[in-house]
N, C-alpha and C. Protein backbone atom coordinates (compact mmCIF):
# COMPACT_ATOMS: atom_id res chain seq x y z
N UNK A 1 0.84 -1.16 0.00
CA UNK A 1 -0.02 0.00 0.01
C UNK A 1 0.89 1.23 -0.01
N UNK A 2 0.56 2.23 -0.78
CA UNK A 2 1.30 3.45 -0.90
C UNK A 2 1.17 4.33 0.35
N UNK A 3 2.20 5.10 0.62
CA UNK A 3 2.23 5.99 1.79
C UNK A 3 0.92 6.86 1.83
N UNK A 4 0.58 7.50 0.73
CA UNK A 4 -0.58 8.41 0.76
C UNK A 4 -1.87 7.67 1.11
N UNK A 5 -1.99 6.45 0.66
CA UNK A 5 -3.19 5.67 0.97
C UNK A 5 -3.24 5.30 2.47
N UNK A 6 -2.05 4.90 3.03
CA UNK A 6 -1.97 4.61 4.47
C UNK A 6 -2.33 5.87 5.23
N UNK A 7 -1.79 7.00 4.88
CA UNK A 7 -2.06 8.26 5.58
C UNK A 7 -3.54 8.58 5.55
N UNK A 8 -4.14 8.45 4.40
CA UNK A 8 -5.62 8.71 4.23
C UNK A 8 -6.43 7.80 5.17
N UNK A 9 -6.11 6.50 5.12
CA UNK A 9 -6.83 5.55 5.98
C UNK A 9 -6.73 5.92 7.47
N UNK A 10 -5.52 6.29 7.89
CA UNK A 10 -5.31 6.62 9.29
C UNK A 10 -6.06 7.90 9.68
N UNK A 11 -6.10 8.88 8.77
CA UNK A 11 -6.86 10.10 9.05
C UNK A 11 -8.33 9.79 9.29
N UNK A 12 -8.82 8.79 8.62
CA UNK A 12 -10.26 8.40 8.76
C UNK A 12 -10.55 7.65 10.07
N UNK A 13 -9.56 6.85 10.50
CA UNK A 13 -9.90 5.96 11.66
C UNK A 13 -9.35 6.48 12.99
N UNK A 14 -8.37 7.38 12.98
CA UNK A 14 -7.82 7.88 14.25
C UNK A 14 -8.48 9.20 14.61
N UNK A 15 -8.53 9.45 15.90
CA UNK A 15 -9.01 10.76 16.36
C UNK A 15 -8.06 11.84 15.90
N UNK A 16 -8.48 13.08 15.78
CA UNK A 16 -7.54 14.15 15.40
C UNK A 16 -6.29 14.22 16.35
N UNK A 17 -6.50 14.05 17.61
CA UNK A 17 -5.39 14.12 18.57
C UNK A 17 -4.43 12.97 18.34
N UNK A 18 -4.96 11.76 18.11
CA UNK A 18 -4.10 10.58 17.85
C UNK A 18 -3.38 10.69 16.52
N UNK A 19 -4.05 11.26 15.54
CA UNK A 19 -3.42 11.47 14.25
C UNK A 19 -2.28 12.48 14.34
N UNK A 20 -2.45 13.56 15.09
CA UNK A 20 -1.38 14.52 15.32
C UNK A 20 -0.18 13.86 15.98
N UNK A 21 -0.46 13.03 17.00
CA UNK A 21 0.61 12.28 17.68
C UNK A 21 1.32 11.38 16.66
N UNK A 22 0.59 10.68 15.83
CA UNK A 22 1.10 9.75 14.85
C UNK A 22 2.01 10.48 13.87
N UNK A 23 1.59 11.62 13.41
CA UNK A 23 2.42 12.40 12.46
C UNK A 23 3.72 12.85 13.19
N UNK A 24 3.65 13.18 14.45
CA UNK A 24 4.81 13.51 15.25
C UNK A 24 5.78 12.39 15.37
N UNK A 25 5.23 11.19 15.55
CA UNK A 25 6.10 9.99 15.65
C UNK A 25 6.77 9.71 14.31
N UNK A 26 5.96 9.84 13.24
CA UNK A 26 6.52 9.62 11.90
C UNK A 26 7.70 10.56 11.64
N UNK A 27 7.52 11.83 11.93
CA UNK A 27 8.53 12.85 11.72
C UNK A 27 9.79 12.54 12.57
N UNK A 28 9.58 12.27 13.84
CA UNK A 28 10.70 11.99 14.77
C UNK A 28 11.44 10.71 14.37
N UNK A 29 10.69 9.70 13.96
CA UNK A 29 11.30 8.45 13.50
C UNK A 29 12.19 8.70 12.27
N UNK A 30 11.71 9.51 11.36
CA UNK A 30 12.49 9.86 10.12
C UNK A 30 13.78 10.57 10.52
N UNK A 31 13.69 11.49 11.52
CA UNK A 31 14.88 12.20 11.96
C UNK A 31 15.89 11.27 12.63
N UNK A 32 15.40 10.36 13.46
CA UNK A 32 16.28 9.39 14.11
C UNK A 32 16.89 8.44 13.07
N UNK A 33 16.09 8.04 12.10
CA UNK A 33 16.61 7.15 11.04
C UNK A 33 17.72 7.83 10.27
N UNK A 34 17.56 9.14 9.98
CA UNK A 34 18.67 9.88 9.30
C UNK A 34 19.90 9.93 10.19
N UNK A 35 19.74 10.16 11.48
CA UNK A 35 20.85 10.24 12.37
C UNK A 35 21.65 8.91 12.46
N UNK A 36 20.88 7.82 12.53
CA UNK A 36 21.53 6.52 12.78
C UNK A 36 21.72 5.65 11.56
N UNK A 37 21.36 6.17 10.39
CA UNK A 37 21.57 5.41 9.14
C UNK A 37 20.60 4.26 8.90
N UNK A 38 19.39 4.40 9.43
CA UNK A 38 18.34 3.41 9.19
C UNK A 38 17.55 3.84 7.97
N UNK A 39 16.72 2.95 7.45
CA UNK A 39 15.91 3.25 6.24
C UNK A 39 14.83 4.25 6.62
N UNK A 40 14.95 5.49 6.07
CA UNK A 40 14.06 6.57 6.45
C UNK A 40 12.62 6.30 6.09
N UNK A 41 12.39 5.70 4.90
CA UNK A 41 10.98 5.43 4.47
C UNK A 41 10.34 4.37 5.36
N UNK A 42 11.10 3.32 5.76
CA UNK A 42 10.55 2.33 6.68
C UNK A 42 10.23 2.95 8.02
N UNK A 43 11.13 3.87 8.50
CA UNK A 43 10.91 4.49 9.78
C UNK A 43 9.62 5.38 9.72
N UNK A 44 9.44 6.08 8.58
CA UNK A 44 8.23 6.90 8.39
C UNK A 44 6.99 6.06 8.45
N UNK A 45 7.01 4.93 7.72
CA UNK A 45 5.82 4.03 7.66
C UNK A 45 5.57 3.44 9.05
N UNK A 46 6.60 2.95 9.70
CA UNK A 46 6.39 2.32 11.03
C UNK A 46 5.90 3.36 11.99
N UNK A 47 6.44 4.58 11.95
CA UNK A 47 5.96 5.68 12.84
C UNK A 47 4.49 6.01 12.54
N UNK A 48 4.16 6.03 11.31
CA UNK A 48 2.78 6.33 10.91
C UNK A 48 1.82 5.24 11.38
N UNK A 49 2.25 3.99 11.35
CA UNK A 49 1.37 2.86 11.67
C UNK A 49 1.43 2.40 13.14
N UNK A 50 2.30 2.96 13.94
CA UNK A 50 2.55 2.39 15.28
C UNK A 50 1.26 2.34 16.14
N UNK A 51 0.37 3.29 16.01
CA UNK A 51 -0.84 3.29 16.80
C UNK A 51 -2.11 2.97 16.01
N UNK A 52 -1.98 2.25 14.93
CA UNK A 52 -3.13 2.01 14.04
C UNK A 52 -4.29 1.29 14.74
N UNK A 53 -4.01 0.56 15.80
CA UNK A 53 -5.11 -0.16 16.49
C UNK A 53 -5.69 0.62 17.66
N UNK A 54 -5.18 1.83 17.91
CA UNK A 54 -5.70 2.64 19.00
C UNK A 54 -7.14 3.05 18.77
N UNK A 55 -7.61 2.94 17.55
CA UNK A 55 -8.98 3.37 17.24
C UNK A 55 -10.02 2.28 17.62
N UNK A 56 -9.51 1.07 17.97
CA UNK A 56 -10.43 -0.04 18.29
C UNK A 56 -10.93 0.09 19.74
N UNK A 57 -12.19 -0.20 19.97
CA UNK A 57 -12.67 -0.18 21.35
C UNK A 57 -12.30 -1.53 21.99
N UNK A 58 -12.56 -1.67 23.31
CA UNK A 58 -12.15 -2.86 24.02
C UNK A 58 -12.70 -4.19 23.44
N UNK A 59 -13.99 -4.16 23.04
CA UNK A 59 -14.57 -5.34 22.51
C UNK A 59 -13.91 -5.76 21.18
N UNK A 60 -13.66 -4.76 20.33
CA UNK A 60 -13.00 -5.06 19.04
C UNK A 60 -11.57 -5.58 19.26
N UNK A 61 -10.88 -4.98 20.25
CA UNK A 61 -9.52 -5.40 20.54
C UNK A 61 -9.45 -6.86 20.98
N UNK A 62 -10.40 -7.24 21.82
CA UNK A 62 -10.45 -8.62 22.28
C UNK A 62 -10.82 -9.56 21.15
N UNK A 63 -11.76 -9.14 20.28
CA UNK A 63 -12.11 -9.98 19.09
C UNK A 63 -10.92 -10.17 18.18
N UNK A 64 -10.15 -9.10 17.92
CA UNK A 64 -8.96 -9.22 17.06
C UNK A 64 -7.94 -10.09 17.73
N UNK A 65 -7.76 -9.99 19.01
CA UNK A 65 -6.78 -10.85 19.73
C UNK A 65 -7.15 -12.34 19.53
N UNK A 66 -8.43 -12.62 19.63
CA UNK A 66 -8.85 -13.99 19.42
C UNK A 66 -8.65 -14.41 17.96
N UNK A 67 -8.98 -13.56 17.01
CA UNK A 67 -8.81 -13.82 15.60
C UNK A 67 -7.33 -14.17 15.29
N UNK A 68 -6.40 -13.39 15.89
CA UNK A 68 -4.98 -13.59 15.60
C UNK A 68 -4.29 -14.63 16.51
N UNK A 69 -5.05 -15.16 17.43
CA UNK A 69 -4.46 -16.18 18.31
C UNK A 69 -3.55 -15.63 19.38
N UNK A 70 -3.80 -14.39 19.75
CA UNK A 70 -2.96 -13.72 20.75
C UNK A 70 -3.42 -14.19 22.17
N UNK A 71 -2.45 -14.62 22.94
CA UNK A 71 -2.75 -15.03 24.34
C UNK A 71 -2.96 -13.74 25.17
N UNK A 72 -4.02 -13.77 25.91
CA UNK A 72 -4.35 -12.55 26.69
C UNK A 72 -4.19 -12.85 28.20
N UNK A 73 -3.41 -12.02 28.86
CA UNK A 73 -3.25 -12.21 30.31
C UNK A 73 -4.33 -11.43 31.06
N UNK A 74 -4.38 -11.55 32.36
CA UNK A 74 -5.45 -10.93 33.17
C UNK A 74 -5.47 -9.42 33.02
N UNK A 75 -4.25 -8.83 32.99
CA UNK A 75 -4.18 -7.36 32.90
C UNK A 75 -4.73 -6.88 31.56
N UNK A 76 -4.47 -7.63 30.48
CA UNK A 76 -4.96 -7.28 29.17
C UNK A 76 -6.47 -7.49 29.09
N UNK A 77 -6.99 -8.49 29.76
CA UNK A 77 -8.45 -8.68 29.81
C UNK A 77 -9.13 -7.48 30.51
N UNK A 78 -8.47 -7.00 31.58
CA UNK A 78 -9.02 -5.88 32.32
C UNK A 78 -8.82 -4.56 31.56
N UNK A 79 -7.77 -4.45 30.80
CA UNK A 79 -7.47 -3.23 30.04
C UNK A 79 -7.00 -3.63 28.62
N UNK A 80 -7.93 -3.94 27.72
CA UNK A 80 -7.59 -4.41 26.40
C UNK A 80 -6.73 -3.42 25.58
N UNK A 81 -6.74 -2.15 25.94
CA UNK A 81 -5.86 -1.20 25.25
C UNK A 81 -4.41 -1.60 25.27
N UNK A 82 -4.01 -2.41 26.31
CA UNK A 82 -2.63 -2.89 26.36
C UNK A 82 -2.30 -3.74 25.15
N UNK A 83 -3.30 -4.24 24.47
CA UNK A 83 -3.06 -5.08 23.28
C UNK A 83 -2.83 -4.29 21.99
N UNK A 84 -2.90 -2.97 22.04
CA UNK A 84 -2.92 -2.20 20.79
C UNK A 84 -1.69 -2.36 19.93
N UNK A 85 -0.53 -2.60 20.58
CA UNK A 85 0.71 -2.72 19.80
C UNK A 85 0.71 -4.08 19.05
N UNK A 86 0.40 -5.14 19.73
CA UNK A 86 0.44 -6.49 19.04
C UNK A 86 -0.70 -6.57 18.00
N UNK A 87 -1.86 -6.10 18.34
CA UNK A 87 -2.98 -6.07 17.37
C UNK A 87 -2.62 -5.19 16.20
N UNK A 88 -2.01 -4.04 16.51
CA UNK A 88 -1.54 -3.13 15.44
C UNK A 88 -0.56 -3.80 14.50
N UNK A 89 0.34 -4.62 15.02
CA UNK A 89 1.30 -5.30 14.18
C UNK A 89 0.64 -6.29 13.20
N UNK A 90 -0.38 -6.98 13.71
CA UNK A 90 -1.17 -7.86 12.80
C UNK A 90 -1.94 -7.05 11.75
N UNK A 91 -2.43 -5.91 12.16
CA UNK A 91 -3.19 -5.05 11.23
C UNK A 91 -2.27 -4.42 10.15
N UNK A 92 -1.01 -4.26 10.46
CA UNK A 92 -0.04 -3.77 9.44
C UNK A 92 -0.10 -4.71 8.24
N UNK A 93 -0.14 -6.02 8.53
CA UNK A 93 -0.26 -6.95 7.39
C UNK A 93 -1.62 -7.00 6.79
N UNK A 94 -2.65 -7.16 7.65
CA UNK A 94 -4.02 -7.38 7.19
C UNK A 94 -4.67 -6.16 6.55
N UNK A 95 -4.63 -5.07 7.28
CA UNK A 95 -5.39 -3.89 6.86
C UNK A 95 -4.57 -2.97 5.98
N UNK A 96 -3.25 -2.96 6.17
CA UNK A 96 -2.38 -2.04 5.37
C UNK A 96 -1.49 -2.77 4.37
N UNK A 97 -1.60 -4.09 4.35
CA UNK A 97 -0.93 -4.92 3.30
C UNK A 97 0.56 -4.72 3.24
N UNK A 98 1.20 -4.58 4.44
CA UNK A 98 2.68 -4.46 4.50
C UNK A 98 3.21 -5.69 5.14
N UNK A 99 4.16 -6.34 4.44
CA UNK A 99 4.71 -7.58 4.93
C UNK A 99 6.19 -7.42 5.40
N UNK A 100 6.62 -6.21 5.53
CA UNK A 100 8.00 -5.95 5.94
C UNK A 100 8.16 -6.23 7.44
N UNK A 101 8.95 -7.22 7.77
CA UNK A 101 9.10 -7.68 9.15
C UNK A 101 9.65 -6.61 10.05
N UNK A 102 10.57 -5.78 9.50
CA UNK A 102 11.17 -4.73 10.32
C UNK A 102 10.13 -3.71 10.79
N UNK A 103 9.20 -3.39 9.91
CA UNK A 103 8.12 -2.44 10.27
C UNK A 103 7.15 -3.13 11.24
N UNK A 104 6.80 -4.37 10.94
CA UNK A 104 5.84 -5.09 11.82
C UNK A 104 6.38 -5.23 13.24
N UNK A 105 7.64 -5.60 13.38
CA UNK A 105 8.22 -5.74 14.72
C UNK A 105 8.33 -4.41 15.42
N UNK A 106 8.66 -3.32 14.70
CA UNK A 106 8.75 -2.02 15.33
C UNK A 106 7.42 -1.61 15.88
N UNK A 107 6.35 -1.89 15.17
CA UNK A 107 4.94 -1.64 15.68
C UNK A 107 4.66 -2.51 16.88
N UNK A 108 5.03 -3.79 16.78
CA UNK A 108 4.71 -4.73 17.86
C UNK A 108 5.35 -4.37 19.17
N UNK A 109 6.59 -3.84 19.14
CA UNK A 109 7.31 -3.60 20.36
C UNK A 109 7.40 -2.10 20.77
N UNK A 110 6.58 -1.28 20.14
CA UNK A 110 6.75 0.18 20.41
C UNK A 110 6.31 0.59 21.80
N UNK A 111 5.59 -0.27 22.55
CA UNK A 111 5.20 0.06 23.90
C UNK A 111 6.01 -0.64 24.97
N UNK A 112 6.41 -1.85 24.68
CA UNK A 112 7.11 -2.66 25.70
C UNK A 112 8.61 -2.69 25.54
N UNK A 113 9.10 -2.59 24.32
CA UNK A 113 10.50 -2.84 24.07
C UNK A 113 10.76 -4.34 24.28
N UNK A 114 11.98 -4.73 24.20
CA UNK A 114 12.42 -6.09 24.46
C UNK A 114 13.97 -6.10 24.46
N UNK A 115 14.59 -7.15 25.04
CA UNK A 115 16.05 -7.19 25.01
C UNK A 115 16.59 -7.21 23.56
N UNK A 116 17.70 -6.59 23.37
CA UNK A 116 18.44 -6.61 22.07
C UNK A 116 17.54 -6.20 20.89
N UNK A 117 16.97 -5.02 21.04
CA UNK A 117 16.07 -4.51 20.00
C UNK A 117 16.89 -4.13 18.76
N UNK A 118 16.18 -4.25 17.59
CA UNK A 118 16.79 -3.82 16.34
C UNK A 118 16.82 -2.30 16.34
N UNK A 119 17.61 -1.69 15.42
CA UNK A 119 17.65 -0.26 15.30
C UNK A 119 16.28 0.34 15.04
N UNK A 120 15.55 -0.28 14.11
CA UNK A 120 14.18 0.23 13.78
C UNK A 120 13.26 0.18 14.98
N UNK A 121 13.35 -0.89 15.74
CA UNK A 121 12.51 -1.03 16.94
C UNK A 121 12.83 0.10 17.95
N UNK A 122 14.13 0.34 18.14
CA UNK A 122 14.57 1.42 19.03
C UNK A 122 14.03 2.76 18.57
N UNK A 123 14.14 2.98 17.25
CA UNK A 123 13.70 4.31 16.71
C UNK A 123 12.27 4.54 16.95
N UNK A 124 11.40 3.56 16.70
CA UNK A 124 9.95 3.75 16.88
C UNK A 124 9.59 3.86 18.36
N UNK A 125 10.24 3.04 19.18
CA UNK A 125 10.01 3.10 20.66
C UNK A 125 10.34 4.49 21.16
N UNK A 126 11.47 5.01 20.78
CA UNK A 126 11.90 6.34 21.27
C UNK A 126 11.10 7.44 20.64
N UNK A 127 10.80 7.37 19.35
CA UNK A 127 10.03 8.40 18.66
C UNK A 127 8.66 8.54 19.29
N UNK A 128 8.08 7.43 19.68
CA UNK A 128 6.79 7.47 20.34
C UNK A 128 6.80 8.28 21.65
N UNK A 129 7.92 8.22 22.33
CA UNK A 129 8.08 8.88 23.61
C UNK A 129 8.46 10.33 23.47
N UNK A 130 9.27 10.65 22.51
CA UNK A 130 9.86 12.02 22.43
C UNK A 130 9.23 12.95 21.39
N UNK A 131 8.27 12.44 20.62
CA UNK A 131 7.74 13.26 19.53
C UNK A 131 7.26 14.63 20.07
N UNK A 132 7.33 15.67 19.23
CA UNK A 132 7.13 17.03 19.72
C UNK A 132 5.76 17.37 20.24
N UNK A 133 4.78 16.57 19.97
CA UNK A 133 3.41 16.87 20.43
C UNK A 133 3.06 16.27 21.83
N UNK A 134 4.02 15.50 22.36
CA UNK A 134 3.86 14.91 23.72
C UNK A 134 3.67 15.98 24.75
N UNK A 135 2.75 15.67 25.67
CA UNK A 135 2.64 16.56 26.83
C UNK A 135 3.94 16.43 27.63
N UNK A 136 4.22 17.43 28.44
CA UNK A 136 5.49 17.41 29.18
C UNK A 136 5.62 16.14 30.06
N UNK A 137 6.76 15.54 29.93
CA UNK A 137 7.11 14.30 30.70
C UNK A 137 8.41 14.63 31.48
N UNK A 138 8.56 14.13 32.72
CA UNK A 138 9.79 14.40 33.42
C UNK A 138 11.01 14.02 32.59
N UNK A 139 12.00 14.91 32.53
CA UNK A 139 13.30 14.70 31.89
C UNK A 139 13.23 14.57 30.39
N UNK A 140 12.06 15.02 29.79
CA UNK A 140 11.90 14.85 28.29
C UNK A 140 12.95 15.60 27.49
N UNK A 141 13.36 16.76 27.90
CA UNK A 141 14.36 17.52 27.12
C UNK A 141 15.69 16.77 27.12
N UNK A 142 16.06 16.25 28.26
CA UNK A 142 17.33 15.49 28.38
C UNK A 142 17.26 14.22 27.51
N UNK A 143 16.12 13.54 27.56
CA UNK A 143 15.93 12.29 26.74
C UNK A 143 15.97 12.63 25.26
N UNK A 144 15.33 13.74 24.87
CA UNK A 144 15.40 14.14 23.48
C UNK A 144 16.82 14.38 22.96
N UNK A 145 17.66 15.00 23.79
CA UNK A 145 19.05 15.20 23.44
C UNK A 145 19.76 13.86 23.35
N UNK A 146 19.57 13.01 24.37
CA UNK A 146 20.24 11.72 24.34
C UNK A 146 19.84 10.87 23.16
N UNK A 147 18.61 11.04 22.68
CA UNK A 147 18.13 10.26 21.56
C UNK A 147 18.94 10.49 20.30
N UNK A 148 19.55 11.68 20.18
CA UNK A 148 20.31 12.01 19.00
C UNK A 148 21.83 11.97 19.29
N UNK A 149 22.21 11.48 20.49
CA UNK A 149 23.64 11.35 20.77
C UNK A 149 24.00 9.90 21.18
N UNK A 150 23.10 9.24 21.90
CA UNK A 150 23.37 7.87 22.37
C UNK A 150 22.02 7.14 22.48
N UNK A 151 21.63 6.46 21.39
CA UNK A 151 20.31 5.86 21.29
C UNK A 151 20.05 4.83 22.43
N UNK A 152 21.10 4.06 22.81
CA UNK A 152 20.89 3.09 23.89
C UNK A 152 20.67 3.73 25.21
N UNK A 153 21.42 4.83 25.46
CA UNK A 153 21.24 5.57 26.73
C UNK A 153 19.85 6.13 26.79
N UNK A 154 19.33 6.69 25.70
CA UNK A 154 17.97 7.22 25.64
C UNK A 154 16.99 6.11 25.88
N UNK A 155 17.17 5.01 25.23
CA UNK A 155 16.28 3.85 25.41
C UNK A 155 16.22 3.41 26.87
N UNK A 156 17.38 3.30 27.50
CA UNK A 156 17.38 2.92 28.91
C UNK A 156 16.65 3.96 29.75
N UNK A 157 16.92 5.21 29.48
CA UNK A 157 16.33 6.32 30.21
C UNK A 157 14.80 6.24 30.13
N UNK A 158 14.26 6.02 28.96
CA UNK A 158 12.83 5.90 28.74
C UNK A 158 12.26 4.74 29.49
N UNK A 159 12.94 3.57 29.37
CA UNK A 159 12.52 2.34 30.10
C UNK A 159 12.48 2.65 31.60
N UNK A 160 13.53 3.23 32.10
CA UNK A 160 13.61 3.53 33.52
C UNK A 160 12.47 4.45 33.93
N UNK A 161 12.21 5.55 33.22
CA UNK A 161 11.16 6.45 33.56
C UNK A 161 9.74 5.79 33.48
N UNK A 162 9.57 4.95 32.43
CA UNK A 162 8.28 4.27 32.27
C UNK A 162 8.04 3.30 33.37
N UNK A 163 9.03 2.50 33.75
CA UNK A 163 8.85 1.55 34.85
C UNK A 163 8.60 2.24 36.15
N UNK A 164 9.32 3.32 36.45
CA UNK A 164 9.08 4.10 37.66
C UNK A 164 7.67 4.59 37.67
N UNK A 165 7.18 5.15 36.56
CA UNK A 165 5.83 5.70 36.50
C UNK A 165 4.78 4.59 36.73
N UNK A 166 4.95 3.43 36.10
CA UNK A 166 4.00 2.29 36.25
C UNK A 166 4.02 1.77 37.64
N UNK A 167 5.19 1.69 38.33
CA UNK A 167 5.27 1.20 39.67
C UNK A 167 4.53 2.18 40.62
N UNK A 168 4.74 3.51 40.41
CA UNK A 168 4.07 4.46 41.27
C UNK A 168 2.54 4.47 41.08
N UNK A 169 2.12 4.17 39.88
CA UNK A 169 0.69 4.07 39.58
C UNK A 169 0.10 2.72 40.01
N UNK A 170 1.00 1.81 40.39
CA UNK A 170 0.60 0.43 40.75
C UNK A 170 -0.16 -0.24 39.63
N UNK A 171 0.42 -0.15 38.41
CA UNK A 171 -0.21 -0.65 37.20
C UNK A 171 0.62 -1.82 36.69
N UNK A 172 -0.02 -2.72 35.99
CA UNK A 172 0.61 -3.90 35.42
C UNK A 172 1.83 -3.51 34.55
N UNK A 173 2.93 -4.21 34.73
CA UNK A 173 4.13 -4.02 33.91
C UNK A 173 4.39 -5.25 33.07
N UNK A 174 4.45 -5.10 31.79
CA UNK A 174 4.70 -6.19 30.87
C UNK A 174 6.10 -6.80 31.14
N UNK A 175 6.19 -8.12 31.10
CA UNK A 175 7.42 -8.83 31.30
C UNK A 175 8.51 -8.40 30.32
N UNK A 176 8.12 -8.14 29.06
CA UNK A 176 9.04 -7.70 28.02
C UNK A 176 9.75 -6.36 28.45
N UNK A 177 9.00 -5.51 29.06
CA UNK A 177 9.55 -4.20 29.50
C UNK A 177 10.59 -4.42 30.58
N UNK A 178 10.30 -5.32 31.51
CA UNK A 178 11.24 -5.61 32.60
C UNK A 178 12.51 -6.23 32.02
N UNK A 179 12.36 -7.18 31.12
CA UNK A 179 13.50 -7.79 30.47
C UNK A 179 14.32 -6.78 29.68
N UNK A 180 13.63 -5.87 28.97
CA UNK A 180 14.36 -4.86 28.19
C UNK A 180 15.15 -3.96 29.13
N UNK A 181 14.51 -3.55 30.24
CA UNK A 181 15.18 -2.69 31.23
C UNK A 181 16.44 -3.38 31.75
N UNK A 182 16.31 -4.64 32.15
CA UNK A 182 17.51 -5.37 32.66
C UNK A 182 18.57 -5.46 31.60
N UNK A 183 18.20 -5.75 30.39
CA UNK A 183 19.15 -5.85 29.29
C UNK A 183 19.88 -4.53 29.05
N UNK A 184 19.20 -3.44 29.03
CA UNK A 184 19.80 -2.13 28.72
C UNK A 184 20.40 -1.49 29.94
N UNK A 185 20.17 -2.07 31.15
CA UNK A 185 20.80 -1.57 32.37
C UNK A 185 22.24 -2.06 32.54
N UNK A 186 22.65 -3.04 31.77
CA UNK A 186 24.02 -3.58 31.93
C UNK A 186 24.99 -2.44 31.75
N UNK A 187 25.87 -2.31 32.76
CA UNK A 187 26.87 -1.27 32.77
C UNK A 187 26.38 0.06 33.29
N UNK A 188 25.13 0.17 33.69
CA UNK A 188 24.60 1.43 34.22
C UNK A 188 24.82 1.57 35.71
N UNK A 189 25.02 0.46 36.42
CA UNK A 189 25.20 0.53 37.85
C UNK A 189 26.64 0.51 38.28
């Protein structure tokens, strides 16, 4: 599917606020791809598609999970929005007809991360956090600078902040996020 068609579809299915965020992630991902020598067009597409399942309500999210054979834990049953990244990855293939594994995995892991992430996965994970339309987040300016000087340091910083936030909110933390944090913490202590 062509970029313009993907963009048109997303404009129709996402809220204006979500679409603005999506365009910010696309832009930031392209900038990070330029900085680190990744495929700029893939970064743009992955950034554009990262939240494509955010438009689904809870019931639709659970139906899609069943359709795709996604195992759902108790936290995801209670809050199906947690499934948006994995459902979004399946929709990249089904709804947007993109079979590029690099893009699919970047969409799949843009919320949790995982150990030993690919460059594209790091770019989308970070772009989602630092895009210019984000409301103020503690240490965001420092993280934005790190993102363009040391991508792994920025990744660790985001994981650290996210886990702290989730712990203080007493909210479910995905195992992949904990594993990613441990992996990228090596040498930090």
